[in-house]
Structures are given as C-alpha cells and as structure tokens.
Amino acid sequence: MRKSYRVKRNTEFQEVFKHGKSFANRQFVVYVLKKKNRKHFRIGLSVSKKLGNAVKRNEIKRYIRQVFLELKEDIPPGYDYIIIARKPAAEMNYHEVKKSLIHVLKIANALKKS
C-alpha cells in the first residue's frame, strides 16, 4: 500500500480519535473521519504489544492492509480510517480477519452498497 494511503503522524491519529466516530466488534475497533479534498481513503493501524511479538503484530498489519487493498473499489474516497486490533485478532488467519473487517466496516457504513 502506497504511503499516500496511510495515516502516519500522531497529530493525524489524534484528530481522527477526537473528531471521528468509532465502530467495533470483538476483533477490531475502527475510527472513521470524513476529510474534504481527498481523492482516496487513508488508513492508520494500531496493534498493541499485548497481541504478540513483532512478527505476529506485523502479520496482523499485513492482513489488514491487504483487506483494504482488496476492498479499495468498495471503500468511498475522502475518509481516514484508524483500525485498532484487539486480542482475538492475534489468533485469526487472513480469511477470518477479512470477514471481521468487512463486518465492522458494514456497521460503520464504510462500504459502498454492491
């Protein structure tokens, strides 16, 4: 995923936390904030050290990025998303992560109707 699709700065994370809406299921919390004048969405990831060692945390982040890459066409542009992984996400494989993220994005009305 290209850098232009990522939320990296702490100030940007804090803005989404402060002004965005949150949606959650057992595995993930998603914060959504509408941004004007943006041609595409951006995502920020937060995976705590409580979820496992660096290898496991990086695996979870790869899975999340891949899901967003596959859903690129269904996600409306102009939003920032912060995804926080919860403890159960550490034991999930890619297909379970995808199913869970689709579920929480539907709750957030963040997927285009298909």
PDB file of N, CA and C in Angstrom:
ATOM      1  N   MET A   1       0.851  -1.181   0.000  1.00  0.00           N
ATOM      2  CA  MET A   1       0.000   0.000   0.000  1.00  0.00           C
ATOM      3  C   MET A   1       0.895   1.241   0.000  1.00  0.00           C
ATOM      4  N   ARG A   2       0.592   2.186  -0.875  1.00  0.00           N
ATOM      5  CA  ARG A   2       1.425   3.371  -1.009  1.00  0.00           C
ATOM      6  C   ARG A   2       1.309   4.279   0.211  1.00  0.00           C
ATOM      7  N   LYS A   3       2.328   5.091   0.432  1.00  0.00           N
ATOM      8  CA  LYS A   3       2.363   5.971   1.600  1.00  0.00           C
ATOM      9  C   LYS A   3       1.221   6.974   1.605  1.00  0.00           C
ATOM     10  N   SER A   4       0.746   7.353   0.431  1.00  0.00           N
ATOM     11  CA  SER A   4      -0.344   8.329   0.372  1.00  0.00           C
ATOM     12  C   SER A   4      -1.647   7.746   0.909  1.00  0.00           C
ATOM     13  N   TYR A   5      -1.707   6.427   1.102  1.00  0.00           N
ATOM     14  CA  TYR A   5      -2.895   5.773   1.634  1.00  0.00           C
ATOM     15  C   TYR A   5      -2.788   5.518   3.137  1.00  0.00           C
ATOM     16  N   ARG A   6      -1.743   6.062   3.794  1.00  0.00           N
ATOM     17  CA  ARG A   6      -1.540   5.770   5.208  1.00  0.00           C
ATOM     18  C   ARG A   6      -1.625   7.025   6.065  1.00  0.00           C
ATOM     19  N   VAL A   7      -2.159   6.869   7.255  1.00  0.00           N
ATOM     20  CA  VAL A   7      -2.117   7.906   8.277  1.00  0.00           C
ATOM     21  C   VAL A   7      -0.893   7.585   9.120  1.00  0.00           C
ATOM     22  N   LYS A   8       0.060   8.499   9.197  1.00  0.00           N
ATOM     23  CA  LYS A   8       1.311   8.210   9.885  1.00  0.00           C
ATOM     24  C   LYS A   8       1.556   9.106  11.108  1.00  0.00           C
ATOM     25  N   ARG A   9       1.226  10.372  11.022  1.00  0.00           N
ATOM     26  CA  ARG A   9       1.582  11.317  12.085  1.00  0.00           C
ATOM     27  C   ARG A   9       0.663  11.183  13.298  1.00  0.00           C
ATOM     28  N   ASN A  10       1.246  11.388  14.471  1.00  0.00           N
ATOM     29  CA  ASN A  10       0.487  11.314  15.713  1.00  0.00           C
ATOM     30  C   ASN A  10      -0.637  12.348  15.731  1.00  0.00           C
ATOM     31  N   THR A  11      -0.382  13.542  15.197  1.00  0.00           N
ATOM     32  CA  THR A  11      -1.419  14.582  15.185  1.00  0.00           C
ATOM     33  C   THR A  11      -2.621  14.147  14.340  1.00  0.00           C
ATOM     34  N   GLU A  12      -2.366  13.448  13.242  1.00  0.00           N
ATOM     35  CA  GLU A  12      -3.457  12.955  12.397  1.00  0.00           C
ATOM     36  C   GLU A  12      -4.240  11.860  13.117  1.00  0.00           C
ATOM     37  N   PHE A  13      -3.533  10.955  13.820  1.00  0.00           N
ATOM     38  CA  PHE A  13      -4.208   9.930  14.614  1.00  0.00           C
ATOM     39  C   PHE A  13      -5.108  10.590  15.660  1.00  0.00           C
ATOM     40  N   GLN A  14      -4.567  11.577  16.378  1.00  0.00           N
ATOM     41  CA  GLN A  14      -5.325  12.228  17.448  1.00  0.00           C
ATOM     42  C   GLN A  14      -6.548  12.957  16.906  1.00  0.00           C
ATOM     43  N   GLU A  15      -6.438  13.544  15.721  1.00  0.00           N
ATOM     44  CA  GLU A  15      -7.567  14.225  15.099  1.00  0.00           C
ATOM     45  C   GLU A  15      -8.699  13.237  14.801  1.00  0.00           C
ATOM     46  N   VAL A  16      -8.339  12.065  14.273  1.00  0.00           N
ATOM     47  CA  VAL A  16      -9.346  11.047  13.973  1.00  0.00           C
ATOM     48  C   VAL A  16      -9.976  10.532  15.264  1.00  0.00           C
ATOM     49  N   PHE A  17      -9.166  10.310  16.298  1.00  0.00           N
ATOM     50  CA  PHE A  17      -9.699   9.846  17.585  1.00  0.00           C
ATOM     51  C   PHE A  17     -10.646  10.881  18.189  1.00  0.00           C
ATOM     52  N   LYS A  18     -10.276  12.151  18.082  1.00  0.00           N
ATOM     53  CA  LYS A  18     -11.044  13.214  18.725  1.00  0.00           C
ATOM     54  C   LYS A  18     -12.342  13.538  17.991  1.00  0.00           C
ATOM     55  N   HIS A  19     -12.290  13.591  16.647  1.00  0.00           N
ATOM     56  CA  HIS A  19     -13.427  14.062  15.871  1.00  0.00           C
ATOM     57  C   HIS A  19     -14.159  12.956  15.107  1.00  0.00           C
ATOM     58  N   GLY A  20     -13.569  11.780  15.021  1.00  0.00           N
ATOM     59  CA  GLY A  20     -14.182  10.698  14.250  1.00  0.00           C
ATOM     60  C   GLY A  20     -15.187   9.897  15.059  1.00  0.00           C
ATOM     61  N   LYS A  21     -15.880   9.020  14.362  1.00  0.00           N
ATOM     62  CA  LYS A  21     -16.821   8.105  15.015  1.00  0.00           C
ATOM     63  C   LYS A  21     -16.171   6.737  15.107  1.00  0.00           C
ATOM     64  N   SER A  22     -16.492   6.002  16.187  1.00  0.00           N
ATOM     65  CA  SER A  22     -15.893   4.682  16.357  1.00  0.00           C
ATOM     66  C   SER A  22     -16.948   3.596  16.213  1.00  0.00           C
ATOM     67  N   PHE A  23     -16.513   2.479  15.663  1.00  0.00           N
ATOM     68  CA  PHE A  23     -17.349   1.299  15.470  1.00  0.00           C
ATOM     69  C   PHE A  23     -16.490   0.100  15.841  1.00  0.00           C
ATOM     70  N   ALA A  24     -17.127  -0.922  16.422  1.00  0.00           N
ATOM     71  CA  ALA A  24     -16.307  -2.027  16.910  1.00  0.00           C
ATOM     72  C   ALA A  24     -17.038  -3.357  16.822  1.00  0.00           C
ATOM     73  N   ASN A  25     -16.246  -4.411  16.756  1.00  0.00           N
ATOM     74  CA  ASN A  25     -16.711  -5.771  17.015  1.00  0.00           C
ATOM     75  C   ASN A  25     -15.682  -6.385  17.956  1.00  0.00           C
ATOM     76  N   ARG A  26     -15.706  -7.687  18.152  1.00  0.00           N
ATOM     77  CA  ARG A  26     -14.792  -8.300  19.124  1.00  0.00           C
ATOM     78  C   ARG A  26     -13.322  -8.188  18.727  1.00  0.00           C
ATOM     79  N   GLN A  27     -13.030  -8.155  17.431  1.00  0.00           N
ATOM     80  CA  GLN A  27     -11.641  -8.200  16.983  1.00  0.00           C
ATOM     81  C   GLN A  27     -11.037  -6.835  16.645  1.00  0.00           C
ATOM     82  N   PHE A  28     -11.852  -5.884  16.203  1.00  0.00           N
ATOM     83  CA  PHE A  28     -11.322  -4.611  15.732  1.00  0.00           C
ATOM     84  C   PHE A  28     -12.177  -3.437  16.192  1.00  0.00           C
ATOM     85  N   VAL A  29     -11.513  -2.288  16.354  1.00  0.00           N
ATOM     86  CA  VAL A  29     -12.185  -1.010  16.550  1.00  0.00           C
ATOM     87  C   VAL A  29     -11.790  -0.161  15.347  1.00  0.00           C
ATOM     88  N   VAL A  30     -12.766   0.481  14.715  1.00  0.00           N
ATOM     89  CA  VAL A  30     -12.485   1.327  13.557  1.00  0.00           C
ATOM     90  C   VAL A  30     -12.994   2.731  13.844  1.00  0.00           C
ATOM     91  N   TYR A  31     -12.106   3.710  13.717  1.00  0.00           N
ATOM     92  CA  TYR A  31     -12.477   5.115  13.804  1.00  0.00           C
ATOM     93  C   TYR A  31     -12.552   5.653  12.381  1.00  0.00           C
ATOM     94  N   VAL A  32     -13.606   6.422  12.091  1.00  0.00           N
ATOM     95  CA  VAL A  32     -13.822   6.949  10.740  1.00  0.00           C
ATOM     96  C   VAL A  32     -13.991   8.459  10.828  1.00  0.00           C
ATOM     97  N   LEU A  33     -13.261   9.183   9.986  1.00  0.00           N
ATOM     98  CA  LEU A  33     -13.379  10.641   9.940  1.00  0.00           C
ATOM     99  C   LEU A  33     -13.416  11.088   8.488  1.00  0.00           C
ATOM    100  N   LYS A  34     -14.421  11.885   8.140  1.00  0.00           N
ATOM    101  CA  LYS A  34     -14.560  12.438   6.785  1.00  0.00           C
ATOM    102  C   LYS A  34     -13.553  13.563   6.597  1.00  0.00           C
ATOM    103  N   LYS A  35     -12.805  13.497   5.498  1.00  0.00           N
ATOM    104  CA  LYS A  35     -11.837  14.537   5.163  1.00  0.00           C
ATOM    105  C   LYS A  35     -12.197  15.113   3.796  1.00  0.00           C
ATOM    106  N   LYS A  36     -12.192  16.429   3.706  1.00  0.00           N
ATOM    107  CA  LYS A  36     -12.518  17.075   2.440  1.00  0.00           C
ATOM    108  C   LYS A  36     -11.279  17.145   1.549  1.00  0.00           C
ATOM    109  N   ASN A  37     -11.517  17.271   0.259  1.00  0.00           N
ATOM    110  CA  ASN A  37     -10.454  17.452  -0.735  1.00  0.00           C
ATOM    111  C   ASN A  37      -9.449  16.301  -0.757  1.00  0.00           C
ATOM    112  N   ARG A  38      -9.932  15.089  -0.565  1.00  0.00           N
ATOM    113  CA  ARG A  38      -9.051  13.931  -0.612  1.00  0.00           C
ATOM    114  C   ARG A  38      -9.574  12.996  -1.691  1.00  0.00           C
ATOM    115  N   LYS A  39      -8.694  12.537  -2.577  1.00  0.00           N
ATOM    116  CA  LYS A  39      -9.109  11.705  -3.702  1.00  0.00           C
ATOM    117  C   LYS A  39      -9.255  10.233  -3.331  1.00  0.00           C
ATOM    118  N   HIS A  40      -8.703   9.828  -2.188  1.00  0.00           N
ATOM    119  CA  HIS A  40      -8.764   8.424  -1.781  1.00  0.00           C
ATOM    120  C   HIS A  40      -8.837   8.342  -0.263  1.00  0.00           C
ATOM    121  N   PHE A  41      -9.064   7.158   0.247  1.00  0.00           N
ATOM    122  CA  PHE A  41      -9.091   6.943   1.690  1.00  0.00           C
ATOM    123  C   PHE A  41      -7.672   6.761   2.209  1.00  0.00           C
ATOM    124  N   ARG A  42      -7.508   6.894   3.528  1.00  0.00           N
ATOM    125  CA  ARG A  42      -6.231   6.600   4.179  1.00  0.00           C
ATOM    126  C   ARG A  42      -6.513   5.723   5.400  1.00  0.00           C
ATOM    127  N   ILE A  43      -5.564   4.853   5.723  1.00  0.00           N
ATOM    128  CA  ILE A  43      -5.727   4.017   6.910  1.00  0.00           C
ATOM    129  C   ILE A  43      -4.529   4.175   7.834  1.00  0.00           C
ATOM    130  N   GLY A  44      -4.816   4.081   9.126  1.00  0.00           N
ATOM    131  CA  GLY A  44      -3.784   4.050  10.152  1.00  0.00           C
ATOM    132  C   GLY A  44      -4.001   2.797  10.969  1.00  0.00           C
ATOM    133  N   LEU A  45      -2.928   2.138  11.364  1.00  0.00           N
ATOM    134  CA  LEU A  45      -3.036   0.876  12.083  1.00  0.00           C
ATOM    135  C   LEU A  45      -2.435   1.006  13.472  1.00  0.00           C
ATOM    136  N   SER A  46      -3.088   0.369  14.426  1.00  0.00           N
ATOM    137  CA  SER A  46      -2.574   0.313  15.782  1.00  0.00           C
ATOM    138  C   SER A  46      -2.709  -1.119  16.280  1.00  0.00           C
ATOM    139  N   VAL A  47      -1.561  -1.753  16.522  1.00  0.00           N
ATOM    140  CA  VAL A  47      -1.541  -3.128  17.019  1.00  0.00           C
ATOM    141  C   VAL A  47      -0.656  -3.134  18.266  1.00  0.00           C
ATOM    142  N   SER A  48      -1.250  -3.392  19.403  1.00  0.00           N
ATOM    143  CA  SER A  48      -0.573  -3.312  20.685  1.00  0.00           C
ATOM    144  C   SER A  48       0.453  -4.437  20.870  1.00  0.00           C
ATOM    145  N   LYS A  49       1.445  -4.178  21.718  1.00  0.00           N
ATOM    146  CA  LYS A  49       2.434  -5.206  22.052  1.00  0.00           C
ATOM    147  C   LYS A  49       1.806  -6.355  22.823  1.00  0.00           C
ATOM    148  N   LYS A  50       0.632  -6.132  23.382  1.00  0.00           N
ATOM    149  CA  LYS A  50      -0.066  -7.188  24.120  1.00  0.00           C
ATOM    150  C   LYS A  50      -0.524  -8.317  23.194  1.00  0.00           C
ATOM    151  N   LEU A  51      -0.601  -8.047  21.894  1.00  0.00           N
ATOM    152  CA  LEU A  51      -1.095  -9.040  20.948  1.00  0.00           C
ATOM    153  C   LEU A  51      -0.050 -10.078  20.564  1.00  0.00           C
ATOM    154  N   GLY A  52       1.220  -9.812  20.825  1.00  0.00           N
ATOM    155  CA  GLY A  52       2.247 -10.789  20.480  1.00  0.00           C
ATOM    156  C   GLY A  52       3.569 -10.125  20.161  1.00  0.00           C
ATOM    157  N   ASN A  53       4.492 -10.933  19.674  1.00  0.00           N
ATOM    158  CA  ASN A  53       5.807 -10.392  19.325  1.00  0.00           C
ATOM    159  C   ASN A  53       5.730  -9.617  18.003  1.00  0.00           C
ATOM    160  N   ALA A  54       6.844  -9.038  17.586  1.00  0.00           N
ATOM    161  CA  ALA A  54       6.865  -8.181  16.397  1.00  0.00           C
ATOM    162  C   ALA A  54       6.413  -8.922  15.143  1.00  0.00           C
ATOM    163  N   VAL A  55       6.773 -10.186  15.047  1.00  0.00           N
ATOM    164  CA  VAL A  55       6.384 -10.976  13.872  1.00  0.00           C
ATOM    165  C   VAL A  55       4.861 -11.072  13.787  1.00  0.00           C
ATOM    166  N   LYS A  56       4.209 -11.363  14.898  1.00  0.00           N
ATOM    167  CA  LYS A  56       2.748 -11.502  14.935  1.00  0.00           C
ATOM    168  C   LYS A  56       2.064 -10.163  14.662  1.00  0.00           C
ATOM    169  N   ARG A  57       2.578  -9.081  15.265  1.00  0.00           N
ATOM    170  CA  ARG A  57       1.979  -7.753  15.060  1.00  0.00           C
ATOM    171  C   ARG A  57       2.095  -7.336  13.593  1.00  0.00           C
ATOM    172  N   ASN A  58       3.255  -7.579  12.983  1.00  0.00           N
ATOM    173  CA  ASN A  58       3.438  -7.228  11.570  1.00  0.00           C
ATOM    174  C   ASN A  58       2.540  -8.069  10.670  1.00  0.00           C
ATOM    175  N   GLU A  59       2.331  -9.323  11.027  1.00  0.00           N
ATOM    176  CA  GLU A  59       1.433 -10.188  10.262  1.00  0.00           C
ATOM    177  C   GLU A  59       0.004  -9.633  10.282  1.00  0.00           C
ATOM    178  N   ILE A  60      -0.457  -9.222  11.455  1.00  0.00           N
ATOM    179  CA  ILE A  60      -1.802  -8.649  11.579  1.00  0.00           C
ATOM    180  C   ILE A  60      -1.916  -7.392  10.720  1.00  0.00           C
ATOM    181  N   LYS A  61      -0.885  -6.536  10.753  1.00  0.00           N
ATOM    182  CA  LYS A  61      -0.913  -5.307   9.956  1.00  0.00           C
ATOM    183  C   LYS A  61      -0.916  -5.613   8.455  1.00  0.00           C
ATOM    184  N   ARG A  62      -0.148  -6.616   8.038  1.00  0.00           N
ATOM    185  CA  ARG A  62      -0.152  -7.020   6.625  1.00  0.00           C
ATOM    186  C   ARG A  62      -1.530  -7.486   6.201  1.00  0.00           C
ATOM    187  N   TYR A  63      -2.171  -8.304   7.047  1.00  0.00           N
ATOM    188  CA  TYR A  63      -3.515  -8.791   6.745  1.00  0.00           C
ATOM    189  C   TYR A  63      -4.496  -7.621   6.567  1.00  0.00           C
ATOM    190  N   ILE A  64      -4.447  -6.658   7.483  1.00  0.00           N
ATOM    191  CA  ILE A  64      -5.373  -5.517   7.425  1.00  0.00           C
ATOM    192  C   ILE A  64      -5.137  -4.703   6.156  1.00  0.00           C
ATOM    193  N   ARG A  65      -3.866  -4.426   5.843  1.00  0.00           N
ATOM    194  CA  ARG A  65      -3.554  -3.666   4.618  1.00  0.00           C
ATOM    195  C   ARG A  65      -4.039  -4.394   3.375  1.00  0.00           C
ATOM    196  N   GLN A  66      -3.872  -5.715   3.342  1.00  0.00           N
ATOM    197  CA  GLN A  66      -4.301  -6.496   2.187  1.00  0.00           C
ATOM    198  C   GLN A  66      -5.820  -6.463   2.026  1.00  0.00           C
ATOM    199  N   VAL A  67      -6.536  -6.532   3.135  1.00  0.00           N
ATOM    200  CA  VAL A  67      -8.002  -6.445   3.071  1.00  0.00           C
ATOM    201  C   VAL A  67      -8.421  -5.111   2.472  1.00  0.00           C
ATOM    202  N   PHE A  68      -7.817  -4.018   2.929  1.00  0.00           N
ATOM    203  CA  PHE A  68      -8.167  -2.705   2.392  1.00  0.00           C
ATOM    204  C   PHE A  68      -7.777  -2.586   0.925  1.00  0.00           C
ATOM    205  N   LEU A  69      -6.671  -3.209   0.540  1.00  0.00           N
ATOM    206  CA  LEU A  69      -6.270  -3.196  -0.866  1.00  0.00           C
ATOM    207  C   LEU A  69      -7.302  -3.920  -1.727  1.00  0.00           C
ATOM    208  N   GLU A  70      -7.810  -5.057  -1.238  1.00  0.00           N
ATOM    209  CA  GLU A  70      -8.815  -5.815  -1.986  1.00  0.00           C
ATOM    210  C   GLU A  70     -10.161  -5.106  -2.018  1.00  0.00           C
ATOM    211  N   LEU A  71     -10.482  -4.346  -0.974  1.00  0.00           N
ATOM    212  CA  LEU A  71     -11.773  -3.643  -0.893  1.00  0.00           C
ATOM    213  C   LEU A  71     -11.689  -2.213  -1.422  1.00  0.00           C
ATOM    214  N   LYS A  72     -10.561  -1.859  -2.023  1.00  0.00           N
ATOM    215  CA  LYS A  72     -10.301  -0.498  -2.488  1.00  0.00           C
ATOM    216  C   LYS A  72     -11.462   0.100  -3.286  1.00  0.00           C
ATOM    217  N   GLU A  73     -12.048  -0.696  -4.163  1.00  0.00           N
ATOM    218  CA  GLU A  73     -13.134  -0.210  -5.022  1.00  0.00           C
ATOM    219  C   GLU A  73     -14.433   0.018  -4.249  1.00  0.00           C
ATOM    220  N   ASP A  74     -14.603  -0.688  -3.127  1.00  0.00           N
ATOM    221  CA  ASP A  74     -15.847  -0.599  -2.362  1.00  0.00           C
ATOM    222  C   ASP A  74     -15.799   0.437  -1.244  1.00  0.00           C
ATOM    223  N   ILE A  75     -14.636   0.990  -0.976  1.00  0.00           N
ATOM    224  CA  ILE A  75     -14.489   1.968   0.097  1.00  0.00           C
ATOM    225  C   ILE A  75     -14.555   3.366  -0.502  1.00  0.00           C
ATOM    226  N   PRO A  76     -15.479   4.206  -0.010  1.00  0.00           N
ATOM    227  CA  PRO A  76     -15.613   5.549  -0.591  1.00  0.00           C
ATOM    228  C   PRO A  76     -14.388   6.413  -0.289  1.00  0.00           C
ATOM    229  N   PRO A  77     -14.007   7.282  -1.226  1.00  0.00           N
ATOM    230  CA  PRO A  77     -12.832   8.142  -1.016  1.00  0.00           C
ATOM    231  C   PRO A  77     -13.149   9.269  -0.036  1.00  0.00           C
ATOM    232  N   GLY A  78     -12.094   9.880   0.481  1.00  0.00           N
ATOM    233  CA  GLY A  78     -12.267  11.052   1.327  1.00  0.00           C
ATOM    234  C   GLY A  78     -12.435  10.766   2.805  1.00  0.00           C
ATOM    235  N   TYR A  79     -12.070   9.580   3.249  1.00  0.00           N
ATOM    236  CA  TYR A  79     -12.181   9.232   4.666  1.00  0.00           C
ATOM    237  C   TYR A  79     -10.833   8.780   5.198  1.00  0.00           C
ATOM    238  N   ASP A  80     -10.617   9.041   6.489  1.00  0.00           N
ATOM    239  CA  ASP A  80      -9.480   8.468   7.204  1.00  0.00           C
ATOM    240  C   ASP A  80     -10.020   7.386   8.125  1.00  0.00           C
ATOM    241  N   TYR A  81      -9.349   6.239   8.135  1.00  0.00           N
ATOM    242  CA  TYR A  81      -9.739   5.116   8.996  1.00  0.00           C
ATOM    243  C   TYR A  81      -8.567   4.777   9.901  1.00  0.00           C
ATOM    244  N   ILE A  82      -8.863   4.618  11.192  1.00  0.00           N
ATOM    245  CA  ILE A  82      -7.879   4.098  12.133  1.00  0.00           C
ATOM    246  C   ILE A  82      -8.402   2.743  12.592  1.00  0.00           C
ATOM    247  N   ILE A  83      -7.597   1.709  12.418  1.00  0.00           N
ATOM    248  CA  ILE A  83      -8.001   0.357  12.801  1.00  0.00           C
ATOM    249  C   ILE A  83      -7.150  -0.065  13.992  1.00  0.00           C
ATOM    250  N   ILE A  84      -7.825  -0.423  15.078  1.00  0.00           N
ATOM    251  CA  ILE A  84      -7.147  -0.911  16.278  1.00  0.00           C
ATOM    252  C   ILE A  84      -7.477  -2.391  16.409  1.00  0.00           C
ATOM    253  N   ALA A  85      -6.442  -3.208  16.449  1.00  0.00           N
ATOM    254  CA  ALA A  85      -6.633  -4.656  16.583  1.00  0.00           C
ATOM    255  C   ALA A  85      -6.769  -5.007  18.062  1.00  0.00           C
ATOM    256  N   ARG A  86      -7.745  -5.854  18.365  1.00  0.00           N
ATOM    257  CA  ARG A  86      -7.936  -6.346  19.724  1.00  0.00           C
ATOM    258  C   ARG A  86      -7.340  -7.743  19.858  1.00  0.00           C
ATOM    259  N   LYS A  87      -7.288  -8.243  21.083  1.00  0.00           N
ATOM    260  CA  LYS A  87      -6.631  -9.510  21.410  1.00  0.00           C
ATOM    261  C   LYS A  87      -7.045 -10.688  20.514  1.00  0.00           C
ATOM    262  N   PRO A  88      -8.350 -10.916  20.243  1.00  0.00           N
ATOM    263  CA  PRO A  88      -8.718 -12.086  19.425  1.00  0.00           C
ATOM    264  C   PRO A  88      -8.143 -12.065  18.002  1.00  0.00           C
ATOM    265  N   ALA A  89      -7.750 -10.892  17.507  1.00  0.00           N
ATOM    266  CA  ALA A  89      -7.203 -10.796  16.152  1.00  0.00           C
ATOM    267  C   ALA A  89      -5.878 -11.545  16.023  1.00  0.00           C
ATOM    268  N   ALA A  90      -5.185 -11.761  17.124  1.00  0.00           N
ATOM    269  CA  ALA A  90      -3.881 -12.419  17.092  1.00  0.00           C
ATOM    270  C   ALA A  90      -3.976 -13.891  16.689  1.00  0.00           C
ATOM    271  N   GLU A  91      -5.122 -14.524  16.946  1.00  0.00           N
ATOM    272  CA  GLU A  91      -5.277 -15.946  16.623  1.00  0.00           C
ATOM    273  C   GLU A  91      -5.987 -16.184  15.292  1.00  0.00           C
ATOM    274  N   MET A  92      -6.244 -15.116  14.546  1.00  0.00           N
ATOM    275  CA  MET A  92      -7.022 -15.247  13.319  1.00  0.00           C
ATOM    276  C   MET A  92      -6.121 -15.406  12.098  1.00  0.00           C
ATOM    277  N   ASN A  93      -6.634 -16.157  11.107  1.00  0.00           N
ATOM    278  CA  ASN A  93      -5.925 -16.220   9.833  1.00  0.00           C
ATOM    279  C   ASN A  93      -6.458 -15.106   8.924  1.00  0.00           C
ATOM    280  N   TYR A  94      -5.912 -15.012   7.716  1.00  0.00           N
ATOM    281  CA  TYR A  94      -6.267 -13.907   6.821  1.00  0.00           C
ATOM    282  C   TYR A  94      -7.757 -13.855   6.505  1.00  0.00           C
ATOM    283  N   HIS A  95      -8.364 -14.997   6.221  1.00  0.00           N
ATOM    284  CA  HIS A  95      -9.775 -15.016   5.828  1.00  0.00           C
ATOM    285  C   HIS A  95     -10.682 -14.589   6.979  1.00  0.00           C
ATOM    286  N   GLU A  96     -10.322 -14.955   8.188  1.00  0.00           N
ATOM    287  CA  GLU A  96     -11.097 -14.528   9.357  1.00  0.00           C
ATOM    288  C   GLU A  96     -10.942 -13.024   9.589  1.00  0.00           C
ATOM    289  N   VAL A  97      -9.739 -12.495   9.392  1.00  0.00           N
ATOM    290  CA  VAL A  97      -9.503 -11.059   9.528  1.00  0.00           C
ATOM    291  C   VAL A  97     -10.340 -10.299   8.498  1.00  0.00           C
ATOM    292  N   LYS A  98     -10.348 -10.796   7.266  1.00  0.00           N
ATOM    293  CA  LYS A  98     -11.118 -10.139   6.201  1.00  0.00           C
ATOM    294  C   LYS A  98     -12.604 -10.130   6.538  1.00  0.00           C
ATOM    295  N   LYS A  99     -13.127 -11.265   6.972  1.00  0.00           N
ATOM    296  CA  LYS A  99     -14.547 -11.363   7.318  1.00  0.00           C
ATOM    297  C   LYS A  99     -14.899 -10.405   8.456  1.00  0.00           C
ATOM    298  N   SER A 100     -14.049 -10.342   9.466  1.00  0.00           N
ATOM    299  CA  SER A 100     -14.285  -9.488  10.615  1.00  0.00           C
ATOM    300  C   SER A 100     -14.213  -8.007  10.240  1.00  0.00           C
ATOM    301  N   LEU A 101     -13.229  -7.638   9.413  1.00  0.00           N
ATOM    302  CA  LEU A 101     -13.114  -6.236   8.990  1.00  0.00           C
ATOM    303  C   LEU A 101     -14.291  -5.820   8.110  1.00  0.00           C
ATOM    304  N   ILE A 102     -14.729  -6.702   7.224  1.00  0.00           N
ATOM    305  CA  ILE A 102     -15.904  -6.393   6.398  1.00  0.00           C
ATOM    306  C   ILE A 102     -17.109  -6.174   7.300  1.00  0.00           C
ATOM    307  N   HIS A 103     -17.248  -7.000   8.325  1.00  0.00           N
ATOM    308  CA  HIS A 103     -18.363  -6.868   9.269  1.00  0.00           C
ATOM    309  C   HIS A 103     -18.353  -5.502   9.951  1.00  0.00           C
ATOM    310  N   VAL A 104     -17.200  -5.099  10.487  1.00  0.00           N
ATOM    311  CA  VAL A 104     -17.143  -3.824  11.209  1.00  0.00           C
ATOM    312  C   VAL A 104     -17.263  -2.637  10.245  1.00  0.00           C
ATOM    313  N   LEU A 105     -16.775  -2.764   9.012  1.00  0.00           N
ATOM    314  CA  LEU A 105     -16.939  -1.686   8.037  1.00  0.00           C
ATOM    315  C   LEU A 105     -18.388  -1.547   7.594  1.00  0.00           C
ATOM    316  N   LYS A 106     -19.120  -2.654   7.548  1.00  0.00           N
ATOM    317  CA  LYS A 106     -20.555  -2.575   7.245  1.00  0.00           C
ATOM    318  C   LYS A 106     -21.304  -1.880   8.376  1.00  0.00           C
ATOM    319  N   ILE A 107     -20.915  -2.165   9.607  1.00  0.00           N
ATOM    320  CA  ILE A 107     -21.527  -1.483  10.758  1.00  0.00           C
ATOM    321  C   ILE A 107     -21.293   0.023  10.647  1.00  0.00           C
ATOM    322  N   ALA A 108     -20.113   0.402  10.181  1.00  0.00           N
ATOM    323  CA  ALA A 108     -19.739   1.823  10.051  1.00  0.00           C
ATOM    324  C   ALA A 108     -20.288   2.464   8.775  1.00  0.00           C
ATOM    325  N   ASN A 109     -20.999   1.692   7.943  1.00  0.00           N
ATOM    326  CA  ASN A 109     -21.481   2.184   6.648  1.00  0.00           C
ATOM    327  C   ASN A 109     -20.320   2.703   5.792  1.00  0.00           C
ATOM    328  N   ALA A 110     -19.186   2.018   5.863  1.00  0.00           N
ATOM    329  CA  ALA A 110     -17.988   2.449   5.152  1.00  0.00           C
ATOM    330  C   ALA A 110     -17.769   1.674   3.868  1.00  0.00           C
ATOM    331  N   LEU A 111     -18.684   0.781   3.533  1.00  0.00           N
ATOM    332  CA  LEU A 111     -18.573   0.066   2.268  1.00  0.00           C
ATOM    333  C   LEU A 111     -19.701   0.502   1.344  1.00  0.00           C
ATOM    334  N   LYS A 112     -19.369   0.708   0.071  1.00  0.00           N
ATOM    335  CA  LYS A 112     -20.403   1.053  -0.901  1.00  0.00           C
ATOM    336  C   LYS A 112     -21.340  -0.134  -1.075  1.00  0.00           C
ATOM    337  N   LYS A 113     -22.584   0.153  -1.289  1.00  0.00           N
ATOM    338  CA  LYS A 113     -23.564  -0.917  -1.487  1.00  0.00           C
ATOM    339  C   LYS A 113     -23.281  -1.605  -2.818  1.00  0.00           C
ATOM    340  N   SER A 114     -23.187  -2.935  -2.783  1.00  0.00           N
ATOM    341  CA  SER A 114     -22.912  -3.661  -4.039  1.00  0.00           C
ATOM    342  C   SER A 114     -23.973  -4.701  -4.293  1.00  0.00           C
TER     343      SER A 114
END
